[in-house]
Amino acid sequence: MSDMNKNLPDREVEESKNIFNKYLYKAMSFLGLTSGIGLVAIGGYWFIYSLLQYIFTEPESAMQQIVTESYFSQAQMGVVIVALGVLIMAVKKINLK
C-alpha cells in the first residue's frame, strides 16, 4: 500500500480508485467529519449562532420576520447535525469492539 493510502481503511482505498475521492476522503478525515467529532463541532456552532441570531434580531417588517423565523429553523438544523455526529461516533464505537 502506498504512503498516501496508509491512513485510509481498506474499504475506502478499494472504493476510491480516482485521485479526487482519495483526497476528498483525506480532507474529510482531517476535518473530523468522518469520525463525527467535526460534525458535532459544526452543528454546535451552527445551533448557537442561529439561536443567538433568532433571539437578538428585531424584525421591522414582514419580510424581516420571515428571515428571523428561518434562523430558528437553522438552529434546529444544527441540532440535527449534532445528532448525526453523535450517531456516527456511536456506530464507529460499535464497529471497533
C-alpha atoms as a PDB file:
ATOM      1  CA  MET A   1       0.000   0.000   0.000  1.00  0.00           C
ATOM      2  CA  SER A   2       1.384   3.442  -0.843  1.00  0.00           C
ATOM      3  CA  ASP A   3       2.161   6.145   1.729  1.00  0.00           C
ATOM      4  CA  MET A   4      -0.804   8.197   0.517  1.00  0.00           C
ATOM      5  CA  ASN A   5      -3.263   5.445   1.489  1.00  0.00           C
ATOM      6  CA  LYS A   6      -1.706   4.219   4.749  1.00  0.00           C
ATOM      7  CA  ASN A   7      -4.199   6.127   6.952  1.00  0.00           C
ATOM      8  CA  LEU A   8      -7.272   5.121   4.962  1.00  0.00           C
ATOM      9  CA  PRO A   9      -9.254   1.986   5.798  1.00  0.00           C
ATOM     10  CA  ASP A  10      -9.071  -0.731   3.146  1.00  0.00           C
ATOM     11  CA  ARG A  11     -12.696  -0.178   2.128  1.00  0.00           C
ATOM     12  CA  GLU A  12     -12.048   3.446   1.178  1.00  0.00           C
ATOM     13  CA  VAL A  13      -8.880   2.546  -0.725  1.00  0.00           C
ATOM     14  CA  GLU A  14     -10.756  -0.042  -2.767  1.00  0.00           C
ATOM     15  CA  GLU A  15     -13.788   2.176  -3.389  1.00  0.00           C
ATOM     16  CA  SER A  16     -11.825   5.282  -4.318  1.00  0.00           C
ATOM     17  CA  LYS A  17      -9.940   4.455  -7.475  1.00  0.00           C
ATOM     18  CA  ASN A  18      -9.665   8.048  -8.684  1.00  0.00           C
ATOM     19  CA  ILE A  19      -7.497  10.673  -7.060  1.00  0.00           C
ATOM     20  CA  PHE A  20     -10.376  13.078  -6.323  1.00  0.00           C
ATOM     21  CA  ASN A  21     -12.133  10.610  -3.995  1.00  0.00           C
ATOM     22  CA  LYS A  22      -8.890   9.762  -2.202  1.00  0.00           C
ATOM     23  CA  TYR A  23      -8.054  13.380  -1.436  1.00  0.00           C
ATOM     24  CA  LEU A  24     -11.649  14.243  -0.593  1.00  0.00           C
ATOM     25  CA  TYR A  25     -11.759  11.427   1.965  1.00  0.00           C
ATOM     26  CA  LYS A  26      -8.400  12.522   3.412  1.00  0.00           C
ATOM     27  CA  ALA A  27      -9.675  16.110   3.739  1.00  0.00           C
ATOM     28  CA  MET A  28     -12.893  14.973   5.435  1.00  0.00           C
ATOM     29  CA  SER A  29     -10.856  12.788   7.803  1.00  0.00           C
ATOM     30  CA  PHE A  30      -8.576  15.727   8.648  1.00  0.00           C
ATOM     31  CA  LEU A  31     -11.588  17.936   9.458  1.00  0.00           C
ATOM     32  CA  GLY A  32     -13.079  15.221  11.656  1.00  0.00           C
ATOM     33  CA  LEU A  33     -16.193  14.810   9.551  1.00  0.00           C
ATOM     34  CA  THR A  34     -15.769  11.058   9.092  1.00  0.00           C
ATOM     35  CA  SER A  35     -15.341  10.415  12.817  1.00  0.00           C
ATOM     36  CA  GLY A  36     -18.326  12.509  13.897  1.00  0.00           C
ATOM     37  CA  ILE A  37     -16.368  14.938  16.061  1.00  0.00           C
ATOM     38  CA  GLY A  38     -16.255  17.570  13.330  1.00  0.00           C
ATOM     39  CA  LEU A  39     -19.996  17.254  12.748  1.00  0.00           C
ATOM     40  CA  VAL A  40     -20.690  17.774  16.435  1.00  0.00           C
ATOM     41  CA  ALA A  41     -18.491  20.880  16.441  1.00  0.00           C
ATOM     42  CA  ILE A  42     -20.027  22.343  13.270  1.00  0.00           C
ATOM     43  CA  GLY A  43     -23.570  21.541  14.402  1.00  0.00           C
ATOM     44  CA  GLY A  44     -22.983  23.031  17.841  1.00  0.00           C
ATOM     45  CA  TYR A  45     -21.578  26.223  16.375  1.00  0.00           C
ATOM     46  CA  TRP A  46     -24.431  26.411  13.866  1.00  0.00           C
ATOM     47  CA  PHE A  47     -27.007  25.907  16.624  1.00  0.00           C
ATOM     48  CA  ILE A  48     -25.549  28.556  18.937  1.00  0.00           C
ATOM     49  CA  TYR A  49     -25.050  31.120  16.164  1.00  0.00           C
ATOM     50  CA  SER A  50     -28.545  30.645  14.711  1.00  0.00           C
ATOM     51  CA  LEU A  51     -30.207  30.693  18.113  1.00  0.00           C
ATOM     52  CA  LEU A  52     -28.454  33.924  19.076  1.00  0.00           C
ATOM     53  CA  GLN A  53     -29.470  35.459  15.742  1.00  0.00           C
ATOM     54  CA  TYR A  54     -33.066  34.387  16.359  1.00  0.00           C
ATOM     55  CA  ILE A  55     -33.114  35.848  19.876  1.00  0.00           C
ATOM     56  CA  PHE A  56     -31.393  39.162  19.205  1.00  0.00           C
ATOM     57  CA  THR A  57     -32.691  40.063  15.716  1.00  0.00           C
ATOM     58  CA  GLU A  58     -35.549  42.544  15.820  1.00  0.00           C
ATOM     59  CA  PRO A  59     -37.637  42.447  12.637  1.00  0.00           C
ATOM     60  CA  GLU A  60     -39.238  45.653  11.449  1.00  0.00           C
ATOM     61  CA  SER A  61     -41.279  44.310   8.531  1.00  0.00           C
ATOM     62  CA  ALA A  62     -42.989  41.120   7.417  1.00  0.00           C
ATOM     63  CA  MET A  63     -40.045  40.134   5.196  1.00  0.00           C
ATOM     64  CA  GLN A  64     -37.616  40.551   8.065  1.00  0.00           C
ATOM     65  CA  GLN A  65     -39.901  38.435  10.258  1.00  0.00           C
ATOM     66  CA  ILE A  66     -39.650  35.600   7.738  1.00  0.00           C
ATOM     67  CA  VAL A  67     -35.855  35.806   7.803  1.00  0.00           C
ATOM     68  CA  THR A  68     -35.875  35.866  11.598  1.00  0.00           C
ATOM     69  CA  GLU A  69     -38.039  32.747  11.719  1.00  0.00           C
ATOM     70  CA  SER A  70     -35.635  30.995   9.368  1.00  0.00           C
ATOM     71  CA  TYR A  71     -32.908  31.464  11.996  1.00  0.00           C
ATOM     72  CA  PHE A  72     -34.914  29.228  14.308  1.00  0.00           C
ATOM     73  CA  SER A  73     -35.162  26.601  11.566  1.00  0.00           C
ATOM     74  CA  GLN A  74     -31.404  26.853  11.096  1.00  0.00           C
ATOM     75  CA  ALA A  75     -30.911  26.322  14.845  1.00  0.00           C
ATOM     76  CA  GLN A  76     -32.991  23.159  14.611  1.00  0.00           C
ATOM     77  CA  MET A  77     -30.822  22.018  11.707  1.00  0.00           C
ATOM     78  CA  GLY A  78     -27.772  22.498  13.934  1.00  0.00           C
ATOM     79  CA  VAL A  79     -29.279  20.100  16.467  1.00  0.00           C
ATOM     80  CA  VAL A  80     -29.853  17.539  13.706  1.00  0.00           C
ATOM     81  CA  ILE A  81     -26.217  17.849  12.590  1.00  0.00           C
ATOM     82  CA  VAL A  82     -25.031  17.310  16.173  1.00  0.00           C
ATOM     83  CA  ALA A  83     -27.248  14.234  16.416  1.00  0.00           C
ATOM     84  CA  LEU A  84     -25.785  12.890  13.176  1.00  0.00           C
ATOM     85  CA  GLY A  85     -22.267  13.368  14.538  1.00  0.00           C
ATOM     86  CA  VAL A  86     -23.149  11.564  17.766  1.00  0.00           C
ATOM     87  CA  LEU A  87     -24.706   8.736  15.745  1.00  0.00           C
ATOM     88  CA  ILE A  88     -21.549   8.381  13.642  1.00  0.00           C
ATOM     89  CA  MET A  89     -19.401   8.252  16.793  1.00  0.00           C
ATOM     90  CA  ALA A  90     -21.658   5.579  18.319  1.00  0.00           C
ATOM     91  CA  VAL A  91     -21.557   3.432  15.174  1.00  0.00           C
ATOM     92  CA  LYS A  92     -17.764   3.713  14.981  1.00  0.00           C
ATOM     93  CA  LYS A  93     -17.506   2.706  18.660  1.00  0.00           C
ATOM     94  CA  ILE A  94     -19.641  -0.390  17.988  1.00  0.00           C
ATOM     95  CA  ASN A  95     -17.525  -1.347  14.960  1.00  0.00           C
ATOM     96  CA  LEU A  96     -14.303  -1.072  16.955  1.00  0.00           C
ATOM     97  CA  LYS A  97     -15.375  -3.626  19.556  1.00  0.00           C
END
